[in-house]
Protein backbone atom coordinates (compact mmCIF):
# COMPACT_ATOMS: atom_id res chain seq x y z
CA MET A 1 0.00 0.00 0.00
CA LYS A 2 2.34 2.76 1.15
CA ALA A 3 5.19 1.23 -0.84
CA GLY A 4 2.94 0.97 -3.90
CA ILE A 5 3.28 -2.80 -4.25
CA VAL A 6 -0.48 -3.40 -3.90
CA THR A 7 -3.51 -1.16 -4.26
CA SER A 8 -5.20 -2.38 -1.08
CA LEU A 9 -5.29 -5.37 1.26
CA ILE A 10 -8.68 -6.42 -0.07
CA HIS A 11 -7.82 -6.03 -3.78
CA PRO A 12 -4.05 -6.29 -4.24
CA GLY A 13 -4.43 -6.06 -8.02
CA GLY A 14 -2.34 -8.99 -9.24
CA ASN A 15 -0.29 -11.95 -8.24
CA VAL A 16 1.56 -11.17 -5.07
CA THR A 17 3.43 -13.83 -3.17
CA GLY A 18 5.47 -13.65 -0.02
CA PHE A 19 5.04 -12.13 3.38
CA PHE A 20 4.64 -8.56 4.48
CA ASN A 21 4.15 -7.15 7.94
CA PHE A 22 0.89 -5.17 8.06
CA GLY A 23 0.99 -4.77 11.83
CA ALA A 24 0.75 -0.98 11.78
CA ASP A 25 -2.57 -1.19 9.94
CA TYR A 26 -4.03 -3.07 12.89
CA GLY A 27 -2.94 -0.60 15.55
CA PRO A 28 -6.34 1.05 15.94
CA LYS A 29 -7.98 -2.38 16.35
CA ARG A 30 -5.49 -3.35 19.05
CA LEU A 31 -6.29 -0.13 20.94
CA GLU A 32 -10.00 -0.88 20.59
CA ILE A 33 -9.42 -4.33 22.11
CA LEU A 34 -7.55 -2.75 25.04
CA ALA A 35 -10.41 -0.31 25.59
CA GLU A 36 -12.96 -3.14 25.57
CA LEU A 37 -11.00 -5.24 28.03
CA LEU A 38 -10.21 -2.53 30.55
CA PRO A 39 -12.44 -0.53 32.85
CA ALA A 40 -13.60 2.87 31.64
CA GLN A 41 -11.41 4.44 34.35
CA THR A 42 -8.37 3.51 32.25
CA THR A 43 -8.19 6.79 30.38
CA VAL A 44 -4.47 6.97 29.58
CA PHE A 45 -2.82 4.57 27.17
CA GLY A 46 0.90 4.37 26.56
CA ALA A 47 2.43 3.46 23.21
CA LEU A 48 5.93 2.18 22.69
CA ILE A 49 6.94 3.10 19.12
CA ASN A 50 10.16 2.24 17.29
CA PRO A 51 11.16 5.50 15.54
CA SER A 52 13.49 3.53 13.21
CA ASN A 53 10.51 1.67 11.74
CA PRO A 54 9.55 3.26 8.38
CA ASP A 55 5.87 2.89 9.33
CA ALA A 56 6.30 4.72 12.66
CA PRO A 57 4.76 8.06 11.54
CA ALA A 58 1.70 6.35 10.04
CA GLU A 59 1.34 4.01 13.01
CA THR A 60 1.62 6.91 15.46
CA ALA A 61 -1.01 8.97 13.61
CA ALA A 62 -3.35 5.97 13.39
CA ILE A 63 -3.20 5.14 17.08
CA GLU A 64 -3.47 8.79 18.12
CA ASN A 65 -6.67 9.07 16.07
CA ALA A 66 -7.96 5.77 17.45
CA ALA A 67 -7.29 6.82 21.05
CA LYS A 68 -9.11 10.10 20.47
CA ALA A 69 -12.09 8.25 18.96
CA LEU A 70 -12.14 5.97 22.02
CA GLY A 71 -12.07 8.96 24.36
CA ARG A 72 -8.65 8.05 25.70
CA ARG A 73 -5.41 10.00 25.96
CA ILE A 74 -2.30 8.36 24.55
CA VAL A 75 1.30 8.93 25.62
CA ILE A 76 3.74 8.11 22.83
CA ALA A 77 7.27 7.04 23.79
CA ASN A 78 9.80 6.44 21.03
CA ALA A 79 12.37 3.77 21.81
CA ASN A 80 14.72 1.69 19.70
CA THR A 81 17.20 0.62 22.40
CA GLU A 82 16.91 -1.19 25.70
CA ALA A 83 17.74 2.04 27.53
CA GLY A 84 15.02 3.77 25.51
CA VAL A 85 12.51 1.13 26.60
CA ASP A 86 13.47 1.73 30.24
CA SER A 87 13.06 5.49 29.76
CA ALA A 88 9.66 4.92 28.16
CA PHE A 89 8.43 3.06 31.23
CA THR A 90 9.61 5.95 33.41
CA ILE A 91 7.48 8.28 31.27
CA PHE A 92 4.53 5.88 31.45
CA ALA A 93 4.75 5.78 35.25
CA GLU A 94 4.89 9.59 35.46
CA GLN A 95 1.87 9.89 33.15
CA HIS A 96 -0.15 7.23 35.03
CA VAL A 97 -0.53 5.04 31.95
CA GLY A 98 -3.13 2.34 32.55
CA ALA A 99 -2.54 0.20 29.44
CA LEU A 100 0.28 -0.31 26.98
CA TYR A 101 0.33 -0.64 23.20
CA VAL A 102 3.62 -2.12 21.96
CA GLY A 103 4.35 -0.93 18.43
CA THR A 104 4.98 -2.96 15.34
CA GLY A 105 8.17 -4.31 13.85
CA THR A 106 10.61 -6.99 14.81
CA LEU A 107 12.86 -4.85 17.03
CA TYR A 108 10.64 -5.32 20.05
CA LEU A 109 10.97 -9.10 19.74
CA ASP A 110 14.51 -8.60 21.05
CA TYR A 111 13.14 -6.74 24.07
CA ILE A 112 9.80 -8.48 24.55
CA GLY A 113 10.85 -10.32 27.70
CA ARG A 114 12.05 -7.08 29.28
CA ILE A 115 8.97 -5.16 28.15
CA ALA A 116 6.63 -7.83 29.52
CA ALA A 117 8.52 -8.04 32.84
CA VAL A 118 8.46 -4.28 33.42
CA ALA A 119 4.81 -4.03 32.36
CA GLU A 120 3.94 -6.81 34.78
CA ARG A 121 5.96 -5.25 37.59
CA GLN A 122 4.22 -1.91 37.02
CA ARG A 123 0.87 -3.71 36.66
CA ILE A 124 0.22 -2.30 33.18
CA PRO A 125 -1.80 -4.55 30.87
CA ALA A 126 -0.21 -4.63 27.41
CA ILE A 127 -1.06 -5.66 23.88
CA TYR A 128 1.62 -6.76 21.45
CA GLN A 129 1.82 -7.32 17.71
CA LEU A 130 3.51 -10.70 18.22
CA ARG A 131 3.93 -12.97 21.18
CA ASP A 132 7.21 -14.13 22.63
CA LYS A 133 7.98 -17.49 21.00
CA SER A 134 10.03 -18.56 24.01
CA SER A 135 7.16 -18.18 26.49
CA PRO A 136 5.35 -21.31 27.75
CA ALA A 137 2.06 -19.93 26.36
CA ALA A 138 3.54 -20.00 22.85
CA SER A 139 3.95 -23.78 22.87
């Protein structure tokens, strides 16, 4: 779509084979799921976004619009290093984030264990694009 390879997900317009990561397109739906699962008192969402991901600007805009439509505030934290992830959680704590959206891309697979552990320690429910393949739940 953005790269011009296909016209749309529904009608790609030809023979396309292979795999492409459309995770950013599902960001608003993931926020909607968080909103449905959490009490209405959870008014502040946090979003961990990889600024090195080429889809980051589009993903950020999409989830900001989705949060607004859901009547929630969203705190965006850009992080593409482990130290950046730690800093993001400091920001989330300061902003009283009640739920976490973990952005798209494969970078966060390297940090998923750390992200999940800190989110659990801070008691922040989170939604991820992919699950940790090493976790017992993945078996």
